[in-house]
C-alpha atoms as a PDB file:
ATOM      1  CA  MET A   1      13.233  14.101 -31.951  1.00  0.00           C
ATOM      2  CA  LEU A   2      15.039  11.669 -29.659  1.00  0.00           C
ATOM      3  CA  GLY A   3      14.816  14.095 -26.743  1.00  0.00           C
ATOM      4  CA  ASN A   4      11.132  14.636 -27.322  1.00  0.00           C
ATOM      5  CA  PHE A   5      10.582  10.859 -27.191  1.00  0.00           C
ATOM      6  CA  LEU A   6      12.690  10.573 -24.037  1.00  0.00           C
ATOM      7  CA  GLY A   7      10.543  13.208 -22.339  1.00  0.00           C
ATOM      8  CA  ASP A   8       8.174  10.508 -21.085  1.00  0.00           C
ATOM      9  CA  PHE A   9      11.028   8.480 -19.590  1.00  0.00           C
ATOM     10  CA  VAL A  10      13.501  11.000 -18.151  1.00  0.00           C
ATOM     11  CA  ARG A  11      12.458  12.492 -14.814  1.00  0.00           C
ATOM     12  CA  GLY A  12      13.615  15.515 -12.863  1.00  0.00           C
ATOM     13  CA  ASN A  13      17.033  16.912 -13.657  1.00  0.00           C
ATOM     14  CA  LYS A  14      18.291  13.636 -15.173  1.00  0.00           C
ATOM     15  CA  TYR A  15      17.825  15.336 -18.543  1.00  0.00           C
ATOM     16  CA  LYS A  16      21.155  17.043 -17.805  1.00  0.00           C
ATOM     17  CA  ASN A  17      22.855  13.676 -18.383  1.00  0.00           C
ATOM     18  CA  TYR A  18      22.183  14.083 -22.116  1.00  0.00           C
ATOM     19  CA  ASN A  19      23.796  16.270 -24.757  1.00  0.00           C
ATOM     20  CA  PRO A  20      22.328  19.783 -25.283  1.00  0.00           C
ATOM     21  CA  THR A  21      20.301  18.807 -28.357  1.00  0.00           C
ATOM     22  CA  ILE A  22      18.585  15.949 -26.547  1.00  0.00           C
ATOM     23  CA  GLN A  23      18.094  18.176 -23.482  1.00  0.00           C
ATOM     24  CA  LYS A  24      16.290  20.664 -25.709  1.00  0.00           C
ATOM     25  CA  GLY A  25      13.940  17.917 -26.935  1.00  0.00           C
ATOM     26  CA  ILE A  26      13.214  16.691 -23.403  1.00  0.00           C
ATOM     27  CA  LEU A  27      12.471  20.219 -22.213  1.00  0.00           C
ATOM     28  CA  LEU A  28      10.280  20.882 -25.269  1.00  0.00           C
ATOM     29  CA  HIS A  29       8.350  17.714 -24.442  1.00  0.00           C
ATOM     30  CA  ARG A  30       7.780  19.006 -20.915  1.00  0.00           C
ATOM     31  CA  HIS A  31       6.574  22.375 -22.209  1.00  0.00           C
ATOM     32  CA  ILE A  32       4.187  20.612 -24.598  1.00  0.00           C
ATOM     33  CA  ASP A  33       2.849  18.455 -21.737  1.00  0.00           C
ATOM     34  CA  THR A  34       2.231  21.557 -19.599  1.00  0.00           C
ATOM     35  CA  PHE A  35       0.563  23.376 -22.500  1.00  0.00           C
ATOM     36  CA  THR A  36      -1.601  20.346 -23.278  1.00  0.00           C
ATOM     37  CA  ASP A  37      -2.673  19.805 -19.671  1.00  0.00           C
ATOM     38  CA  ALA A  38      -3.807  23.443 -19.378  1.00  0.00           C
ATOM     39  CA  ASN A  39      -5.505  23.618 -22.782  1.00  0.00           C
ATOM     40  CA  GLU A  40      -9.281  24.142 -22.703  1.00  0.00           C
ATOM     41  CA  ILE A  41      -9.889  22.084 -25.857  1.00  0.00           C
ATOM     42  CA  VAL A  42      -8.070  19.119 -24.321  1.00  0.00           C
ATOM     43  CA  ARG A  43     -10.086  19.559 -21.134  1.00  0.00           C
ATOM     44  CA  ILE A  44     -13.306  19.377 -23.160  1.00  0.00           C
ATOM     45  CA  SER A  45     -12.106  16.095 -24.700  1.00  0.00           C
ATOM     46  CA  LYS A  46     -11.159  14.719 -21.288  1.00  0.00           C
ATOM     47  CA  ARG A  47     -14.568  15.586 -19.821  1.00  0.00           C
ATOM     48  CA  ARG A  48     -16.189  13.178 -22.268  1.00  0.00           C
ATOM     49  CA  LEU A  49     -14.158  10.377 -20.697  1.00  0.00           C
ATOM     50  CA  HIS A  50     -13.623  11.365 -17.085  1.00  0.00           C
ATOM     51  CA  GLU A  51     -16.639   9.684 -15.521  1.00  0.00           C
ATOM     52  CA  ARG A  52     -15.739   6.342 -17.060  1.00  0.00           C
ATOM     53  CA  TYR A  53     -11.922   6.436 -16.798  1.00  0.00           C
ATOM     54  CA  GLY A  54     -11.036   8.902 -14.032  1.00  0.00           C
ATOM     55  CA  HIS A  55      -7.427  10.043 -14.103  1.00  0.00           C
ATOM     56  CA  TYR A  56      -6.709   7.818 -17.126  1.00  0.00           C
ATOM     57  CA  ASP A  57      -8.716  10.236 -19.289  1.00  0.00           C
ATOM     58  CA  GLY A  58      -5.592  12.243 -20.182  1.00  0.00           C
ATOM     59  CA  ILE A  59      -3.654   9.202 -21.351  1.00  0.00           C
ATOM     60  CA  ILE A  60      -6.598   8.103 -23.471  1.00  0.00           C
ATOM     61  CA  ILE A  61      -6.954  11.557 -25.019  1.00  0.00           C
ATOM     62  CA  ASP A  62      -3.219  11.565 -25.826  1.00  0.00           C
ATOM     63  CA  LEU A  63      -3.739   8.284 -27.656  1.00  0.00           C
ATOM     64  CA  PHE A  64      -6.878   9.511 -29.436  1.00  0.00           C
ATOM     65  CA  TYR A  65      -5.011  12.622 -30.561  1.00  0.00           C
ATOM     66  CA  ASP A  66      -2.138  10.407 -31.755  1.00  0.00           C
ATOM     67  CA  HIS A  67      -4.737   8.576 -33.833  1.00  0.00           C
ATOM     68  CA  PHE A  68      -5.932  11.770 -35.487  1.00  0.00           C
ATOM     69  CA  LEU A  69      -2.382  12.961 -36.088  1.00  0.00           C
ATOM     70  CA  ALA A  70      -1.511   9.671 -37.778  1.00  0.00           C
ATOM     71  CA  LYS A  71      -4.772   9.557 -39.716  1.00  0.00           C
ATOM     72  CA  ASN A  72      -4.224  13.091 -41.032  1.00  0.00           C
ATOM     73  CA  TRP A  73      -0.433  12.868 -41.181  1.00  0.00           C
ATOM     74  CA  SER A  74      -0.159  14.171 -44.741  1.00  0.00           C
ATOM     75  CA  ASP A  75      -1.775  17.442 -43.588  1.00  0.00           C
ATOM     76  CA  TYR A  76       1.180  18.039 -41.279  1.00  0.00           C
ATOM     77  CA  SER A  77       4.207  16.423 -42.906  1.00  0.00           C
ATOM     78  CA  ALA A  78       5.623  15.976 -46.393  1.00  0.00           C
ATOM     79  CA  ILE A  79       7.286  12.741 -45.252  1.00  0.00           C
ATOM     80  CA  PRO A  80       4.891   9.778 -45.549  1.00  0.00           C
ATOM     81  CA  LEU A  81       4.021   8.272 -42.177  1.00  0.00           C
ATOM     82  CA  ASP A  82       5.404   4.812 -42.948  1.00  0.00           C
ATOM     83  CA  ILE A  83       8.792   6.309 -43.849  1.00  0.00           C
ATOM     84  CA  PHE A  84       8.758   8.615 -40.820  1.00  0.00           C
ATOM     85  CA  ALA A  85       7.978   5.663 -38.523  1.00  0.00           C
ATOM     86  CA  LYS A  86      10.793   3.528 -39.965  1.00  0.00           C
ATOM     87  CA  ARG A  87      13.266   6.404 -39.601  1.00  0.00           C
ATOM     88  CA  PHE A  88      12.111   6.985 -36.033  1.00  0.00           C
ATOM     89  CA  TYR A  89      12.551   3.340 -35.053  1.00  0.00           C
ATOM     90  CA  GLN A  90      16.017   3.408 -36.631  1.00  0.00           C
ATOM     91  CA  LEU A  91      16.847   6.550 -34.632  1.00  0.00           C
ATOM     92  CA  LEU A  92      15.948   4.674 -31.457  1.00  0.00           C
ATOM     93  CA  HIS A  93      18.147   1.728 -32.443  1.00  0.00           C
ATOM     94  CA  ASP A  94      21.020   4.031 -33.380  1.00  0.00           C
ATOM     95  CA  ASN A  95      20.817   5.602 -29.921  1.00  0.00           C
ATOM     96  CA  TYR A  96      19.847   2.485 -27.992  1.00  0.00           C
ATOM     97  CA  GLU A  97      22.543   2.977 -25.359  1.00  0.00           C
ATOM     98  CA  LEU A  98      21.000   6.351 -24.450  1.00  0.00           C
ATOM     99  CA  LEU A  99      17.528   4.938 -23.850  1.00  0.00           C
ATOM    100  CA  PRO A 100      16.333   4.454 -20.268  1.00  0.00           C
ATOM    101  CA  GLU A 101      15.379   0.863 -19.398  1.00  0.00           C
ATOM    102  CA  LYS A 102      11.632   1.499 -19.740  1.00  0.00           C
ATOM    103  CA  ALA A 103      12.151   2.862 -23.261  1.00  0.00           C
ATOM    104  CA  LYS A 104      14.331  -0.111 -24.161  1.00  0.00           C
ATOM    105  CA  HIS A 105      11.567  -2.410 -22.900  1.00  0.00           C
ATOM    106  CA  LEU A 106       8.929  -0.553 -24.956  1.00  0.00           C
ATOM    107  CA  LEU A 107      10.882  -0.498 -28.235  1.00  0.00           C
ATOM    108  CA  PRO A 108      10.171  -4.095 -29.331  1.00  0.00           C
ATOM    109  CA  TYR A 109       6.413  -3.572 -28.846  1.00  0.00           C
ATOM    110  CA  LEU A 110       6.519  -0.216 -30.578  1.00  0.00           C
ATOM    111  CA  GLU A 111       8.157  -1.831 -33.590  1.00  0.00           C
ATOM    112  CA  LYS A 112       6.379  -5.186 -33.572  1.00  0.00           C
ATOM    113  CA  HIS A 113       2.980  -3.517 -33.707  1.00  0.00           C
ATOM    114  CA  ASP A 114       4.320  -0.508 -35.667  1.00  0.00           C
ATOM    115  CA  TRP A 115       2.445   1.795 -33.306  1.00  0.00           C
ATOM    116  CA  LEU A 116       3.359   5.038 -35.031  1.00  0.00           C
ATOM    117  CA  TYR A 117       1.984   3.841 -38.347  1.00  0.00           C
ATOM    118  CA  ASN A 118      -0.945   1.845 -36.984  1.00  0.00           C
ATOM    119  CA  TYR A 119      -2.251   4.641 -34.773  1.00  0.00           C
ATOM    120  CA  GLN A 120      -4.135   5.832 -37.868  1.00  0.00           C
ATOM    121  CA  PHE A 121      -6.361   2.753 -37.878  1.00  0.00           C
ATOM    122  CA  ILE A 122      -9.132   1.910 -35.421  1.00  0.00           C
ATOM    123  CA  ASP A 123      -7.765  -1.646 -35.147  1.00  0.00           C
ATOM    124  CA  GLY A 124      -4.311  -0.243 -34.393  1.00  0.00           C
ATOM    125  CA  MET A 125      -5.741   1.951 -31.656  1.00  0.00           C
ATOM    126  CA  LYS A 126      -7.608  -1.027 -30.231  1.00  0.00           C
ATOM    127  CA  VAL A 127      -4.340  -2.968 -29.901  1.00  0.00           C
ATOM    128  CA  VAL A 128      -2.629  -0.031 -28.178  1.00  0.00           C
ATOM    129  CA  LEU A 129      -5.529   0.600 -25.796  1.00  0.00           C
ATOM    130  CA  GLU A 130      -5.705  -3.092 -24.892  1.00  0.00           C
ATOM    131  CA  GLY A 131      -1.961  -3.091 -24.223  1.00  0.00           C
ATOM    132  CA  MET A 132      -2.240   0.000 -22.030  1.00  0.00           C
ATOM    133  CA  ASN A 133      -5.071  -1.636 -20.101  1.00  0.00           C
ATOM    134  CA  ARG A 134      -2.903  -4.700 -19.451  1.00  0.00           C
ATOM    135  CA  ARG A 135      -0.090  -2.432 -18.215  1.00  0.00           C
ATOM    136  CA  THR A 136      -2.508  -0.948 -15.654  1.00  0.00           C
ATOM    137  CA  LYS A 137      -3.454  -4.481 -14.550  1.00  0.00           C
ATOM    138  CA  MET A 138      -6.918  -3.980 -16.122  1.00  0.00           C
ATOM    139  CA  ILE A 139      -7.758  -1.138 -13.727  1.00  0.00           C
ATOM    140  CA  SER A 140      -7.931   1.614 -16.356  1.00  0.00           C
ATOM    141  CA  LYS A 141     -10.546  -0.032 -18.614  1.00  0.00           C
ATOM    142  CA  MET A 142      -8.677   1.528 -21.553  1.00  0.00           C
ATOM    143  CA  ASP A 143      -9.544  -1.515 -23.630  1.00  0.00           C
ATOM    144  CA  ILE A 144     -13.137  -0.265 -23.927  1.00  0.00           C
ATOM    145  CA  ALA A 145     -12.122   3.323 -24.754  1.00  0.00           C
ATOM    146  CA  ILE A 146     -12.281   2.391 -28.433  1.00  0.00           C
ATOM    147  CA  GLU A 147     -16.075   2.511 -28.008  1.00  0.00           C
ATOM    148  CA  ASP A 148     -15.846   6.117 -26.818  1.00  0.00           C
ATOM    149  CA  LEU A 149     -13.573   7.003 -29.730  1.00  0.00           C
ATOM    150  CA  GLN A 150     -16.090   5.600 -32.187  1.00  0.00           C
ATOM    151  CA  GLU A 151     -19.118   7.100 -30.458  1.00  0.00           C
ATOM    152  CA  HIS A 152     -17.675  10.628 -30.309  1.00  0.00           C
ATOM    153  CA  TYR A 153     -15.353  10.370 -33.303  1.00  0.00           C
ATOM    154  CA  SER A 154     -16.251  13.697 -34.946  1.00  0.00           C
ATOM    155  CA  ASP A 155     -16.105  15.589 -31.660  1.00  0.00           C
ATOM    156  CA  PHE A 156     -12.674  14.207 -30.798  1.00  0.00           C
ATOM    157  CA  GLU A 157     -11.373  14.843 -34.311  1.00  0.00           C
ATOM    158  CA  ASN A 158     -12.617  18.436 -34.240  1.00  0.00           C
ATOM    159  CA  ASP A 159     -11.047  18.923 -30.813  1.00  0.00           C
ATOM    160  CA  PHE A 160      -7.756  17.522 -32.068  1.00  0.00           C
ATOM    161  CA  THR A 161      -7.721  19.711 -35.173  1.00  0.00           C
ATOM    162  CA  GLU A 162      -8.317  22.901 -33.188  1.00  0.00           C
ATOM    163  CA  PHE A 163      -5.889  21.911 -30.456  1.00  0.00           C
ATOM    164  CA  PHE A 164      -3.158  20.920 -32.901  1.00  0.00           C
ATOM    165  CA  LYS A 165      -3.274  24.335 -34.587  1.00  0.00           C
ATOM    166  CA  GLU A 166      -2.640  25.905 -31.194  1.00  0.00           C
ATOM    167  CA  LEU A 167       0.067  23.364 -30.389  1.00  0.00           C
ATOM    168  CA  ILE A 168       1.926  24.068 -33.633  1.00  0.00           C
ATOM    169  CA  THR A 169       1.960  27.785 -32.851  1.00  0.00           C
ATOM    170  CA  PHE A 170       3.042  27.140 -29.253  1.00  0.00           C
ATOM    171  CA  THR A 171       5.843  24.798 -30.350  1.00  0.00           C
ATOM    172  CA  GLU A 172       7.125  27.190 -33.003  1.00  0.00           C
ATOM    173  CA  GLU A 173       7.317  29.937 -30.366  1.00  0.00           C
ATOM    174  CA  LYS A 174       9.114  27.649 -27.890  1.00  0.00           C
ATOM    175  CA  LEU A 175      11.664  26.625 -30.516  1.00  0.00           C
ATOM    176  CA  LYS A 176      12.495  30.298 -31.115  1.00  0.00           C
ATOM    177  CA  GLU A 177      13.305  30.823 -27.423  1.00  0.00           C
END
């Protein structure tokens, strides 16, 4: 789990600086990113946003899909989302010295706004999208993407559900390798 989280922060072969279990998580994260980027369902979702957001469409779709995962969490996990989120934040604190600086900087915001738990709510998504927009110096216009989520809610949720089935299968196969 820690390695999978670190996948967004650890570049190139720097993953080799971590123990084998964390390396496995980082590499799994990279495989999932590659699978997601090439997936036709994800591309359909991104097309709905591309004209308005350009290359930020993928980041927005990742966040929208996080919303649907959180909203439907009980369909995918026996552990309640609030408990999972608390355990995850504790995992990050327990391994704080292993976190790259950018991850250390993100952790207080992640916890303060309880992103993992609040992704399930439209208001929670709005906060995250506004924060992402600020991080792009207002260039991305991600703060208005909440309108697109609401306008095409059913389409995005259907896309997510179909994609996530494929992702589960893909991930299970990768973990066997």
